[in-house]
Amino acid sequence: HSAEEKRIDPTVSVAKFARRLNAR
């Protein structure tokens, strides 16, 4: 239930995609 209890940061690889795409 961790995703319900707190915001979970993206994994390292997903965070790289987010930066590359300037994800909102």
PDBML (XML) file of the C-alpha atoms, coordinates in Angstrom:
<?xml version="1.0" encoding="UTF-8" ?>
<PDBx:datablock datablockName="MODEL"
   xmlns:PDBx="http://pdbml.pdb.org/schema/pdbx-v50.xsd"
   xmlns:xsi="http://www.w3.org/2001/XMLSchema-instance"
   xsi:schemaLocation="http://pdbml.pdb.org/schema/pdbx-v50.xsd pdbx-v50.xsd">
   <PDBx:atom_siteCategory>
      <PDBx:atom_site id="1">
         <PDBx:B_iso_or_equiv>0.00</PDBx:B_iso_or_equiv>
         <PDBx:Cartn_x>0.000</PDBx:Cartn_x>
         <PDBx:Cartn_y>0.000</PDBx:Cartn_y>
         <PDBx:Cartn_z>0.000</PDBx:Cartn_z>
         <PDBx:auth_asym_id>A</PDBx:auth_asym_id>
         <PDBx:auth_atom_id>CA</PDBx:auth_atom_id>
         <PDBx:auth_comp_id>HIS</PDBx:auth_comp_id>
         <PDBx:auth_seq_id>1</PDBx:auth_seq_id>
         <PDBx:group_PDB>ATOM</PDBx:group_PDB>
         <PDBx:label_alt_id xsi:nil="true" />
         <PDBx:label_asym_id>A</PDBx:label_asym_id>
         <PDBx:label_atom_id>CA</PDBx:label_atom_id>
         <PDBx:label_comp_id>HIS</PDBx:label_comp_id>
         <PDBx:label_entity_id>1</PDBx:label_entity_id>
         <PDBx:label_seq_id>1</PDBx:label_seq_id>
         <PDBx:occupancy>1.00</PDBx:occupancy>
         <PDBx:pdbx_PDB_model_num>1</PDBx:pdbx_PDB_model_num>
         <PDBx:type_symbol>C</PDBx:type_symbol>
      </PDBx:atom_site>
      <PDBx:atom_site id="2">
         <PDBx:B_iso_or_equiv>0.00</PDBx:B_iso_or_equiv>
         <PDBx:Cartn_x>3.015</PDBx:Cartn_x>
         <PDBx:Cartn_y>2.333</PDBx:Cartn_y>
         <PDBx:Cartn_z>-0.177</PDBx:Cartn_z>
         <PDBx:auth_asym_id>A</PDBx:auth_asym_id>
         <PDBx:auth_atom_id>CA</PDBx:auth_atom_id>
         <PDBx:auth_comp_id>SER</PDBx:auth_comp_id>
         <PDBx:auth_seq_id>2</PDBx:auth_seq_id>
         <PDBx:group_PDB>ATOM</PDBx:group_PDB>
         <PDBx:label_alt_id xsi:nil="true" />
         <PDBx:label_asym_id>A</PDBx:label_asym_id>
         <PDBx:label_atom_id>CA</PDBx:label_atom_id>
         <PDBx:label_comp_id>SER</PDBx:label_comp_id>
         <PDBx:label_entity_id>1</PDBx:label_entity_id>
         <PDBx:label_seq_id>2</PDBx:label_seq_id>
         <PDBx:occupancy>1.00</PDBx:occupancy>
         <PDBx:pdbx_PDB_model_num>1</PDBx:pdbx_PDB_model_num>
         <PDBx:type_symbol>C</PDBx:type_symbol>
      </PDBx:atom_site>
      <PDBx:atom_site id="3">
         <PDBx:B_iso_or_equiv>0.00</PDBx:B_iso_or_equiv>
         <PDBx:Cartn_x>1.765</PDBx:Cartn_x>
         <PDBx:Cartn_y>4.093</PDBx:Cartn_y>
         <PDBx:Cartn_z>-3.331</PDBx:Cartn_z>
         <PDBx:auth_asym_id>A</PDBx:auth_asym_id>
         <PDBx:auth_atom_id>CA</PDBx:auth_atom_id>
         <PDBx:auth_comp_id>ALA</PDBx:auth_comp_id>
         <PDBx:auth_seq_id>3</PDBx:auth_seq_id>
         <PDBx:group_PDB>ATOM</PDBx:group_PDB>
         <PDBx:label_alt_id xsi:nil="true" />
         <PDBx:label_asym_id>A</PDBx:label_asym_id>
         <PDBx:label_atom_id>CA</PDBx:label_atom_id>
         <PDBx:label_comp_id>ALA</PDBx:label_comp_id>
         <PDBx:label_entity_id>1</PDBx:label_entity_id>
         <PDBx:label_seq_id>3</PDBx:label_seq_id>
         <PDBx:occupancy>1.00</PDBx:occupancy>
         <PDBx:pdbx_PDB_model_num>1</PDBx:pdbx_PDB_model_num>
         <PDBx:type_symbol>C</PDBx:type_symbol>
      </PDBx:atom_site>
      <PDBx:atom_site id="4">
         <PDBx:B_iso_or_equiv>0.00</PDBx:B_iso_or_equiv>
         <PDBx:Cartn_x>-1.449</PDBx:Cartn_x>
         <PDBx:Cartn_y>5.015</PDBx:Cartn_y>
         <PDBx:Cartn_z>-1.500</PDBx:Cartn_z>
         <PDBx:auth_asym_id>A</PDBx:auth_asym_id>
         <PDBx:auth_atom_id>CA</PDBx:auth_atom_id>
         <PDBx:auth_comp_id>GLU</PDBx:auth_comp_id>
         <PDBx:auth_seq_id>4</PDBx:auth_seq_id>
         <PDBx:group_PDB>ATOM</PDBx:group_PDB>
         <PDBx:label_alt_id xsi:nil="true" />
         <PDBx:label_asym_id>A</PDBx:label_asym_id>
         <PDBx:label_atom_id>CA</PDBx:label_atom_id>
         <PDBx:label_comp_id>GLU</PDBx:label_comp_id>
         <PDBx:label_entity_id>1</PDBx:label_entity_id>
         <PDBx:label_seq_id>4</PDBx:label_seq_id>
         <PDBx:occupancy>1.00</PDBx:occupancy>
         <PDBx:pdbx_PDB_model_num>1</PDBx:pdbx_PDB_model_num>
         <PDBx:type_symbol>C</PDBx:type_symbol>
      </PDBx:atom_site>
      <PDBx:atom_site id="5">
         <PDBx:B_iso_or_equiv>0.00</PDBx:B_iso_or_equiv>
         <PDBx:Cartn_x>0.365</PDBx:Cartn_x>
         <PDBx:Cartn_y>6.193</PDBx:Cartn_y>
         <PDBx:Cartn_z>1.611</PDBx:Cartn_z>
         <PDBx:auth_asym_id>A</PDBx:auth_asym_id>
         <PDBx:auth_atom_id>CA</PDBx:auth_atom_id>
         <PDBx:auth_comp_id>GLU</PDBx:auth_comp_id>
         <PDBx:auth_seq_id>5</PDBx:auth_seq_id>
         <PDBx:group_PDB>ATOM</PDBx:group_PDB>
         <PDBx:label_alt_id xsi:nil="true" />
         <PDBx:label_asym_id>A</PDBx:label_asym_id>
         <PDBx:label_atom_id>CA</PDBx:label_atom_id>
         <PDBx:label_comp_id>GLU</PDBx:label_comp_id>
         <PDBx:label_entity_id>1</PDBx:label_entity_id>
         <PDBx:label_seq_id>5</PDBx:label_seq_id>
         <PDBx:occupancy>1.00</PDBx:occupancy>
         <PDBx:pdbx_PDB_model_num>1</PDBx:pdbx_PDB_model_num>
         <PDBx:type_symbol>C</PDBx:type_symbol>
      </PDBx:atom_site>
      <PDBx:atom_site id="6">
         <PDBx:B_iso_or_equiv>0.00</PDBx:B_iso_or_equiv>
         <PDBx:Cartn_x>2.985</PDBx:Cartn_x>
         <PDBx:Cartn_y>8.462</PDBx:Cartn_y>
         <PDBx:Cartn_z>0.051</PDBx:Cartn_z>
         <PDBx:auth_asym_id>A</PDBx:auth_asym_id>
         <PDBx:auth_atom_id>CA</PDBx:auth_atom_id>
         <PDBx:auth_comp_id>LYS</PDBx:auth_comp_id>
         <PDBx:auth_seq_id>6</PDBx:auth_seq_id>
         <PDBx:group_PDB>ATOM</PDBx:group_PDB>
         <PDBx:label_alt_id xsi:nil="true" />
         <PDBx:label_asym_id>A</PDBx:label_asym_id>
         <PDBx:label_atom_id>CA</PDBx:label_atom_id>
         <PDBx:label_comp_id>LYS</PDBx:label_comp_id>
         <PDBx:label_entity_id>1</PDBx:label_entity_id>
         <PDBx:label_seq_id>6</PDBx:label_seq_id>
         <PDBx:occupancy>1.00</PDBx:occupancy>
         <PDBx:pdbx_PDB_model_num>1</PDBx:pdbx_PDB_model_num>
         <PDBx:type_symbol>C</PDBx:type_symbol>
      </PDBx:atom_site>
      <PDBx:atom_site id="7">
         <PDBx:B_iso_or_equiv>0.00</PDBx:B_iso_or_equiv>
         <PDBx:Cartn_x>4.267</PDBx:Cartn_x>
         <PDBx:Cartn_y>9.827</PDBx:Cartn_y>
         <PDBx:Cartn_z>-3.227</PDBx:Cartn_z>
         <PDBx:auth_asym_id>A</PDBx:auth_asym_id>
         <PDBx:auth_atom_id>CA</PDBx:auth_atom_id>
         <PDBx:auth_comp_id>ARG</PDBx:auth_comp_id>
         <PDBx:auth_seq_id>7</PDBx:auth_seq_id>
         <PDBx:group_PDB>ATOM</PDBx:group_PDB>
         <PDBx:label_alt_id xsi:nil="true" />
         <PDBx:label_asym_id>A</PDBx:label_asym_id>
         <PDBx:label_atom_id>CA</PDBx:label_atom_id>
         <PDBx:label_comp_id>ARG</PDBx:label_comp_id>
         <PDBx:label_entity_id>1</PDBx:label_entity_id>
         <PDBx:label_seq_id>7</PDBx:label_seq_id>
         <PDBx:occupancy>1.00</PDBx:occupancy>
         <PDBx:pdbx_PDB_model_num>1</PDBx:pdbx_PDB_model_num>
         <PDBx:type_symbol>C</PDBx:type_symbol>
      </PDBx:atom_site>
      <PDBx:atom_site id="8">
         <PDBx:B_iso_or_equiv>0.00</PDBx:B_iso_or_equiv>
         <PDBx:Cartn_x>6.819</PDBx:Cartn_x>
         <PDBx:Cartn_y>7.449</PDBx:Cartn_y>
         <PDBx:Cartn_z>-4.720</PDBx:Cartn_z>
         <PDBx:auth_asym_id>A</PDBx:auth_asym_id>
         <PDBx:auth_atom_id>CA</PDBx:auth_atom_id>
         <PDBx:auth_comp_id>ILE</PDBx:auth_comp_id>
         <PDBx:auth_seq_id>8</PDBx:auth_seq_id>
         <PDBx:group_PDB>ATOM</PDBx:group_PDB>
         <PDBx:label_alt_id xsi:nil="true" />
         <PDBx:label_asym_id>A</PDBx:label_asym_id>
         <PDBx:label_atom_id>CA</PDBx:label_atom_id>
         <PDBx:label_comp_id>ILE</PDBx:label_comp_id>
         <PDBx:label_entity_id>1</PDBx:label_entity_id>
         <PDBx:label_seq_id>8</PDBx:label_seq_id>
         <PDBx:occupancy>1.00</PDBx:occupancy>
         <PDBx:pdbx_PDB_model_num>1</PDBx:pdbx_PDB_model_num>
         <PDBx:type_symbol>C</PDBx:type_symbol>
      </PDBx:atom_site>
      <PDBx:atom_site id="9">
         <PDBx:B_iso_or_equiv>0.00</PDBx:B_iso_or_equiv>
         <PDBx:Cartn_x>9.490</PDBx:Cartn_x>
         <PDBx:Cartn_y>8.995</PDBx:Cartn_y>
         <PDBx:Cartn_z>-6.895</PDBx:Cartn_z>
         <PDBx:auth_asym_id>A</PDBx:auth_asym_id>
         <PDBx:auth_atom_id>CA</PDBx:auth_atom_id>
         <PDBx:auth_comp_id>ASP</PDBx:auth_comp_id>
         <PDBx:auth_seq_id>9</PDBx:auth_seq_id>
         <PDBx:group_PDB>ATOM</PDBx:group_PDB>
         <PDBx:label_alt_id xsi:nil="true" />
         <PDBx:label_asym_id>A</PDBx:label_asym_id>
         <PDBx:label_atom_id>CA</PDBx:label_atom_id>
         <PDBx:label_comp_id>ASP</PDBx:label_comp_id>
         <PDBx:label_entity_id>1</PDBx:label_entity_id>
         <PDBx:label_seq_id>9</PDBx:label_seq_id>
         <PDBx:occupancy>1.00</PDBx:occupancy>
         <PDBx:pdbx_PDB_model_num>1</PDBx:pdbx_PDB_model_num>
         <PDBx:type_symbol>C</PDBx:type_symbol>
      </PDBx:atom_site>
      <PDBx:atom_site id="10">
         <PDBx:B_iso_or_equiv>0.00</PDBx:B_iso_or_equiv>
         <PDBx:Cartn_x>10.058</PDBx:Cartn_x>
         <PDBx:Cartn_y>7.482</PDBx:Cartn_y>
         <PDBx:Cartn_z>-10.320</PDBx:Cartn_z>
         <PDBx:auth_asym_id>A</PDBx:auth_asym_id>
         <PDBx:auth_atom_id>CA</PDBx:auth_atom_id>
         <PDBx:auth_comp_id>PRO</PDBx:auth_comp_id>
         <PDBx:auth_seq_id>10</PDBx:auth_seq_id>
         <PDBx:group_PDB>ATOM</PDBx:group_PDB>
         <PDBx:label_alt_id xsi:nil="true" />
         <PDBx:label_asym_id>A</PDBx:label_asym_id>
         <PDBx:label_atom_id>CA</PDBx:label_atom_id>
         <PDBx:label_comp_id>PRO</PDBx:label_comp_id>
         <PDBx:label_entity_id>1</PDBx:label_entity_id>
         <PDBx:label_seq_id>10</PDBx:label_seq_id>
         <PDBx:occupancy>1.00</PDBx:occupancy>
         <PDBx:pdbx_PDB_model_num>1</PDBx:pdbx_PDB_model_num>
         <PDBx:type_symbol>C</PDBx:type_symbol>
      </PDBx:atom_site>
      <PDBx:atom_site id="11">
         <PDBx:B_iso_or_equiv>0.00</PDBx:B_iso_or_equiv>
         <PDBx:Cartn_x>12.813</PDBx:Cartn_x>
         <PDBx:Cartn_y>4.923</PDBx:Cartn_y>
         <PDBx:Cartn_z>-10.639</PDBx:Cartn_z>
         <PDBx:auth_asym_id>A</PDBx:auth_asym_id>
         <PDBx:auth_atom_id>CA</PDBx:auth_atom_id>
         <PDBx:auth_comp_id>THR</PDBx:auth_comp_id>
         <PDBx:auth_seq_id>11</PDBx:auth_seq_id>
         <PDBx:group_PDB>ATOM</PDBx:group_PDB>
         <PDBx:label_alt_id xsi:nil="true" />
         <PDBx:label_asym_id>A</PDBx:label_asym_id>
         <PDBx:label_atom_id>CA</PDBx:label_atom_id>
         <PDBx:label_comp_id>THR</PDBx:label_comp_id>
         <PDBx:label_entity_id>1</PDBx:label_entity_id>
         <PDBx:label_seq_id>11</PDBx:label_seq_id>
         <PDBx:occupancy>1.00</PDBx:occupancy>
         <PDBx:pdbx_PDB_model_num>1</PDBx:pdbx_PDB_model_num>
         <PDBx:type_symbol>C</PDBx:type_symbol>
      </PDBx:atom_site>
      <PDBx:atom_site id="12">
         <PDBx:B_iso_or_equiv>0.00</PDBx:B_iso_or_equiv>
         <PDBx:Cartn_x>16.149</PDBx:Cartn_x>
         <PDBx:Cartn_y>6.204</PDBx:Cartn_y>
         <PDBx:Cartn_z>-11.936</PDBx:Cartn_z>
         <PDBx:auth_asym_id>A</PDBx:auth_asym_id>
         <PDBx:auth_atom_id>CA</PDBx:auth_atom_id>
         <PDBx:auth_comp_id>VAL</PDBx:auth_comp_id>
         <PDBx:auth_seq_id>12</PDBx:auth_seq_id>
         <PDBx:group_PDB>ATOM</PDBx:group_PDB>
         <PDBx:label_alt_id xsi:nil="true" />
         <PDBx:label_asym_id>A</PDBx:label_asym_id>
         <PDBx:label_atom_id>CA</PDBx:label_atom_id>
         <PDBx:label_comp_id>VAL</PDBx:label_comp_id>
         <PDBx:label_entity_id>1</PDBx:label_entity_id>
         <PDBx:label_seq_id>12</PDBx:label_seq_id>
         <PDBx:occupancy>1.00</PDBx:occupancy>
         <PDBx:pdbx_PDB_model_num>1</PDBx:pdbx_PDB_model_num>
         <PDBx:type_symbol>C</PDBx:type_symbol>
      </PDBx:atom_site>
      <PDBx:atom_site id="13">
         <PDBx:B_iso_or_equiv>0.00</PDBx:B_iso_or_equiv>
         <PDBx:Cartn_x>15.455</PDBx:Cartn_x>
         <PDBx:Cartn_y>5.072</PDBx:Cartn_y>
         <PDBx:Cartn_z>-15.511</PDBx:Cartn_z>
         <PDBx:auth_asym_id>A</PDBx:auth_asym_id>
         <PDBx:auth_atom_id>CA</PDBx:auth_atom_id>
         <PDBx:auth_comp_id>SER</PDBx:auth_comp_id>
         <PDBx:auth_seq_id>13</PDBx:auth_seq_id>
         <PDBx:group_PDB>ATOM</PDBx:group_PDB>
         <PDBx:label_alt_id xsi:nil="true" />
         <PDBx:label_asym_id>A</PDBx:label_asym_id>
         <PDBx:label_atom_id>CA</PDBx:label_atom_id>
         <PDBx:label_comp_id>SER</PDBx:label_comp_id>
         <PDBx:label_entity_id>1</PDBx:label_entity_id>
         <PDBx:label_seq_id>13</PDBx:label_seq_id>
         <PDBx:occupancy>1.00</PDBx:occupancy>
         <PDBx:pdbx_PDB_model_num>1</PDBx:pdbx_PDB_model_num>
         <PDBx:type_symbol>C</PDBx:type_symbol>
      </PDBx:atom_site>
      <PDBx:atom_site id="14">
         <PDBx:B_iso_or_equiv>0.00</PDBx:B_iso_or_equiv>
         <PDBx:Cartn_x>11.904</PDBx:Cartn_x>
         <PDBx:Cartn_y>6.485</PDBx:Cartn_y>
         <PDBx:Cartn_z>-15.567</PDBx:Cartn_z>
         <PDBx:auth_asym_id>A</PDBx:auth_asym_id>
         <PDBx:auth_atom_id>CA</PDBx:auth_atom_id>
         <PDBx:auth_comp_id>VAL</PDBx:auth_comp_id>
         <PDBx:auth_seq_id>14</PDBx:auth_seq_id>
         <PDBx:group_PDB>ATOM</PDBx:group_PDB>
         <PDBx:label_alt_id xsi:nil="true" />
         <PDBx:label_asym_id>A</PDBx:label_asym_id>
         <PDBx:label_atom_id>CA</PDBx:label_atom_id>
         <PDBx:label_comp_id>VAL</PDBx:label_comp_id>
         <PDBx:label_entity_id>1</PDBx:label_entity_id>
         <PDBx:label_seq_id>14</PDBx:label_seq_id>
         <PDBx:occupancy>1.00</PDBx:occupancy>
         <PDBx:pdbx_PDB_model_num>1</PDBx:pdbx_PDB_model_num>
         <PDBx:type_symbol>C</PDBx:type_symbol>
      </PDBx:atom_site>
      <PDBx:atom_site id="15">
         <PDBx:B_iso_or_equiv>0.00</PDBx:B_iso_or_equiv>
         <PDBx:Cartn_x>13.214</PDBx:Cartn_x>
         <PDBx:Cartn_y>9.772</PDBx:Cartn_y>
         <PDBx:Cartn_z>-14.112</PDBx:Cartn_z>
         <PDBx:auth_asym_id>A</PDBx:auth_asym_id>
         <PDBx:auth_atom_id>CA</PDBx:auth_atom_id>
         <PDBx:auth_comp_id>ALA</PDBx:auth_comp_id>
         <PDBx:auth_seq_id>15</PDBx:auth_seq_id>
         <PDBx:group_PDB>ATOM</PDBx:group_PDB>
         <PDBx:label_alt_id xsi:nil="true" />
         <PDBx:label_asym_id>A</PDBx:label_asym_id>
         <PDBx:label_atom_id>CA</PDBx:label_atom_id>
         <PDBx:label_comp_id>ALA</PDBx:label_comp_id>
         <PDBx:label_entity_id>1</PDBx:label_entity_id>
         <PDBx:label_seq_id>15</PDBx:label_seq_id>
         <PDBx:occupancy>1.00</PDBx:occupancy>
         <PDBx:pdbx_PDB_model_num>1</PDBx:pdbx_PDB_model_num>
         <PDBx:type_symbol>C</PDBx:type_symbol>
      </PDBx:atom_site>
      <PDBx:atom_site id="16">
         <PDBx:B_iso_or_equiv>0.00</PDBx:B_iso_or_equiv>
         <PDBx:Cartn_x>15.688</PDBx:Cartn_x>
         <PDBx:Cartn_y>9.980</PDBx:Cartn_y>
         <PDBx:Cartn_z>-17.015</PDBx:Cartn_z>
         <PDBx:auth_asym_id>A</PDBx:auth_asym_id>
         <PDBx:auth_atom_id>CA</PDBx:auth_atom_id>
         <PDBx:auth_comp_id>LYS</PDBx:auth_comp_id>
         <PDBx:auth_seq_id>16</PDBx:auth_seq_id>
         <PDBx:group_PDB>ATOM</PDBx:group_PDB>
         <PDBx:label_alt_id xsi:nil="true" />
         <PDBx:label_asym_id>A</PDBx:label_asym_id>
         <PDBx:label_atom_id>CA</PDBx:label_atom_id>
         <PDBx:label_comp_id>LYS</PDBx:label_comp_id>
         <PDBx:label_entity_id>1</PDBx:label_entity_id>
         <PDBx:label_seq_id>16</PDBx:label_seq_id>
         <PDBx:occupancy>1.00</PDBx:occupancy>
         <PDBx:pdbx_PDB_model_num>1</PDBx:pdbx_PDB_model_num>
         <PDBx:type_symbol>C</PDBx:type_symbol>
      </PDBx:atom_site>
      <PDBx:atom_site id="17">
         <PDBx:B_iso_or_equiv>0.00</PDBx:B_iso_or_equiv>
         <PDBx:Cartn_x>12.845</PDBx:Cartn_x>
         <PDBx:Cartn_y>9.524</PDBx:Cartn_y>
         <PDBx:Cartn_z>-19.508</PDBx:Cartn_z>
         <PDBx:auth_asym_id>A</PDBx:auth_asym_id>
         <PDBx:auth_atom_id>CA</PDBx:auth_atom_id>
         <PDBx:auth_comp_id>PHE</PDBx:auth_comp_id>
         <PDBx:auth_seq_id>17</PDBx:auth_seq_id>
         <PDBx:group_PDB>ATOM</PDBx:group_PDB>
         <PDBx:label_alt_id xsi:nil="true" />
         <PDBx:label_asym_id>A</PDBx:label_asym_id>
         <PDBx:label_atom_id>CA</PDBx:label_atom_id>
         <PDBx:label_comp_id>PHE</PDBx:label_comp_id>
         <PDBx:label_entity_id>1</PDBx:label_entity_id>
         <PDBx:label_seq_id>17</PDBx:label_seq_id>
         <PDBx:occupancy>1.00</PDBx:occupancy>
         <PDBx:pdbx_PDB_model_num>1</PDBx:pdbx_PDB_model_num>
         <PDBx:type_symbol>C</PDBx:type_symbol>
      </PDBx:atom_site>
      <PDBx:atom_site id="18">
         <PDBx:B_iso_or_equiv>0.00</PDBx:B_iso_or_equiv>
         <PDBx:Cartn_x>10.826</PDBx:Cartn_x>
         <PDBx:Cartn_y>12.186</PDBx:Cartn_y>
         <PDBx:Cartn_z>-17.669</PDBx:Cartn_z>
         <PDBx:auth_asym_id>A</PDBx:auth_asym_id>
         <PDBx:auth_atom_id>CA</PDBx:auth_atom_id>
         <PDBx:auth_comp_id>ALA</PDBx:auth_comp_id>
         <PDBx:auth_seq_id>18</PDBx:auth_seq_id>
         <PDBx:group_PDB>ATOM</PDBx:group_PDB>
         <PDBx:label_alt_id xsi:nil="true" />
         <PDBx:label_asym_id>A</PDBx:label_asym_id>
         <PDBx:label_atom_id>CA</PDBx:label_atom_id>
         <PDBx:label_comp_id>ALA</PDBx:label_comp_id>
         <PDBx:label_entity_id>1</PDBx:label_entity_id>
         <PDBx:label_seq_id>18</PDBx:label_seq_id>
         <PDBx:occupancy>1.00</PDBx:occupancy>
         <PDBx:pdbx_PDB_model_num>1</PDBx:pdbx_PDB_model_num>
         <PDBx:type_symbol>C</PDBx:type_symbol>
      </PDBx:atom_site>
      <PDBx:atom_site id="19">
         <PDBx:B_iso_or_equiv>0.00</PDBx:B_iso_or_equiv>
         <PDBx:Cartn_x>13.697</PDBx:Cartn_x>
         <PDBx:Cartn_y>14.678</PDBx:Cartn_y>
         <PDBx:Cartn_z>-17.902</PDBx:Cartn_z>
         <PDBx:auth_asym_id>A</PDBx:auth_asym_id>
         <PDBx:auth_atom_id>CA</PDBx:auth_atom_id>
         <PDBx:auth_comp_id>ARG</PDBx:auth_comp_id>
         <PDBx:auth_seq_id>19</PDBx:auth_seq_id>
         <PDBx:group_PDB>ATOM</PDBx:group_PDB>
         <PDBx:label_alt_id xsi:nil="true" />
         <PDBx:label_asym_id>A</PDBx:label_asym_id>
         <PDBx:label_atom_id>CA</PDBx:label_atom_id>
         <PDBx:label_comp_id>ARG</PDBx:label_comp_id>
         <PDBx:label_entity_id>1</PDBx:label_entity_id>
         <PDBx:label_seq_id>19</PDBx:label_seq_id>
         <PDBx:occupancy>1.00</PDBx:occupancy>
         <PDBx:pdbx_PDB_model_num>1</PDBx:pdbx_PDB_model_num>
         <PDBx:type_symbol>C</PDBx:type_symbol>
      </PDBx:atom_site>
      <PDBx:atom_site id="20">
         <PDBx:B_iso_or_equiv>0.00</PDBx:B_iso_or_equiv>
         <PDBx:Cartn_x>14.377</PDBx:Cartn_x>
         <PDBx:Cartn_y>13.861</PDBx:Cartn_y>
         <PDBx:Cartn_z>-21.559</PDBx:Cartn_z>
         <PDBx:auth_asym_id>A</PDBx:auth_asym_id>
         <PDBx:auth_atom_id>CA</PDBx:auth_atom_id>
         <PDBx:auth_comp_id>ARG</PDBx:auth_comp_id>
         <PDBx:auth_seq_id>20</PDBx:auth_seq_id>
         <PDBx:group_PDB>ATOM</PDBx:group_PDB>
         <PDBx:label_alt_id xsi:nil="true" />
         <PDBx:label_asym_id>A</PDBx:label_asym_id>
         <PDBx:label_atom_id>CA</PDBx:label_atom_id>
         <PDBx:label_comp_id>ARG</PDBx:label_comp_id>
         <PDBx:label_entity_id>1</PDBx:label_entity_id>
         <PDBx:label_seq_id>20</PDBx:label_seq_id>
         <PDBx:occupancy>1.00</PDBx:occupancy>
         <PDBx:pdbx_PDB_model_num>1</PDBx:pdbx_PDB_model_num>
         <PDBx:type_symbol>C</PDBx:type_symbol>
      </PDBx:atom_site>
      <PDBx:atom_site id="21">
         <PDBx:B_iso_or_equiv>0.00</PDBx:B_iso_or_equiv>
         <PDBx:Cartn_x>10.716</PDBx:Cartn_x>
         <PDBx:Cartn_y>14.415</PDBx:Cartn_y>
         <PDBx:Cartn_z>-22.470</PDBx:Cartn_z>
         <PDBx:auth_asym_id>A</PDBx:auth_asym_id>
         <PDBx:auth_atom_id>CA</PDBx:auth_atom_id>
         <PDBx:auth_comp_id>LEU</PDBx:auth_comp_id>
         <PDBx:auth_seq_id>21</PDBx:auth_seq_id>
         <PDBx:group_PDB>ATOM</PDBx:group_PDB>
         <PDBx:label_alt_id xsi:nil="true" />
         <PDBx:label_asym_id>A</PDBx:label_asym_id>
         <PDBx:label_atom_id>CA</PDBx:label_atom_id>
         <PDBx:label_comp_id>LEU</PDBx:label_comp_id>
         <PDBx:label_entity_id>1</PDBx:label_entity_id>
         <PDBx:label_seq_id>21</PDBx:label_seq_id>
         <PDBx:occupancy>1.00</PDBx:occupancy>
         <PDBx:pdbx_PDB_model_num>1</PDBx:pdbx_PDB_model_num>
         <PDBx:type_symbol>C</PDBx:type_symbol>
      </PDBx:atom_site>
      <PDBx:atom_site id="22">
         <PDBx:B_iso_or_equiv>0.00</PDBx:B_iso_or_equiv>
         <PDBx:Cartn_x>10.210</PDBx:Cartn_x>
         <PDBx:Cartn_y>17.344</PDBx:Cartn_y>
         <PDBx:Cartn_z>-20.120</PDBx:Cartn_z>
         <PDBx:auth_asym_id>A</PDBx:auth_asym_id>
         <PDBx:auth_atom_id>CA</PDBx:auth_atom_id>
         <PDBx:auth_comp_id>ASN</PDBx:auth_comp_id>
         <PDBx:auth_seq_id>22</PDBx:auth_seq_id>
         <PDBx:group_PDB>ATOM</PDBx:group_PDB>
         <PDBx:label_alt_id xsi:nil="true" />
         <PDBx:label_asym_id>A</PDBx:label_asym_id>
         <PDBx:label_atom_id>CA</PDBx:label_atom_id>
         <PDBx:label_comp_id>ASN</PDBx:label_comp_id>
         <PDBx:label_entity_id>1</PDBx:label_entity_id>
         <PDBx:label_seq_id>22</PDBx:label_seq_id>
         <PDBx:occupancy>1.00</PDBx:occupancy>
         <PDBx:pdbx_PDB_model_num>1</PDBx:pdbx_PDB_model_num>
         <PDBx:type_symbol>C</PDBx:type_symbol>
      </PDBx:atom_site>
      <PDBx:atom_site id="23">
         <PDBx:B_iso_or_equiv>0.00</PDBx:B_iso_or_equiv>
         <PDBx:Cartn_x>7.284</PDBx:Cartn_x>
         <PDBx:Cartn_y>15.365</PDBx:Cartn_y>
         <PDBx:Cartn_z>-18.694</PDBx:Cartn_z>
         <PDBx:auth_asym_id>A</PDBx:auth_asym_id>
         <PDBx:auth_atom_id>CA</PDBx:auth_atom_id>
         <PDBx:auth_comp_id>ALA</PDBx:auth_comp_id>
         <PDBx:auth_seq_id>23</PDBx:auth_seq_id>
         <PDBx:group_PDB>ATOM</PDBx:group_PDB>
         <PDBx:label_alt_id xsi:nil="true" />
         <PDBx:label_asym_id>A</PDBx:label_asym_id>
         <PDBx:label_atom_id>CA</PDBx:label_atom_id>
         <PDBx:label_comp_id>ALA</PDBx:label_comp_id>
         <PDBx:label_entity_id>1</PDBx:label_entity_id>
         <PDBx:label_seq_id>23</PDBx:label_seq_id>
         <PDBx:occupancy>1.00</PDBx:occupancy>
         <PDBx:pdbx_PDB_model_num>1</PDBx:pdbx_PDB_model_num>
         <PDBx:type_symbol>C</PDBx:type_symbol>
      </PDBx:atom_site>
      <PDBx:atom_site id="24">
         <PDBx:B_iso_or_equiv>0.00</PDBx:B_iso_or_equiv>
         <PDBx:Cartn_x>4.726</PDBx:Cartn_x>
         <PDBx:Cartn_y>17.412</PDBx:Cartn_y>
         <PDBx:Cartn_z>-16.816</PDBx:Cartn_z>
         <PDBx:auth_asym_id>A</PDBx:auth_asym_id>
         <PDBx:auth_atom_id>CA</PDBx:auth_atom_id>
         <PDBx:auth_comp_id>ARG</PDBx:auth_comp_id>
         <PDBx:auth_seq_id>24</PDBx:auth_seq_id>
         <PDBx:group_PDB>ATOM</PDBx:group_PDB>
         <PDBx:label_alt_id xsi:nil="true" />
         <PDBx:label_asym_id>A</PDBx:label_asym_id>
         <PDBx:label_atom_id>CA</PDBx:label_atom_id>
         <PDBx:label_comp_id>ARG</PDBx:label_comp_id>
         <PDBx:label_entity_id>1</PDBx:label_entity_id>
         <PDBx:label_seq_id>24</PDBx:label_seq_id>
         <PDBx:occupancy>1.00</PDBx:occupancy>
         <PDBx:pdbx_PDB_model_num>1</PDBx:pdbx_PDB_model_num>
         <PDBx:type_symbol>C</PDBx:type_symbol>
      </PDBx:atom_site>
   </PDBx:atom_siteCategory>
</PDBx:datablock>
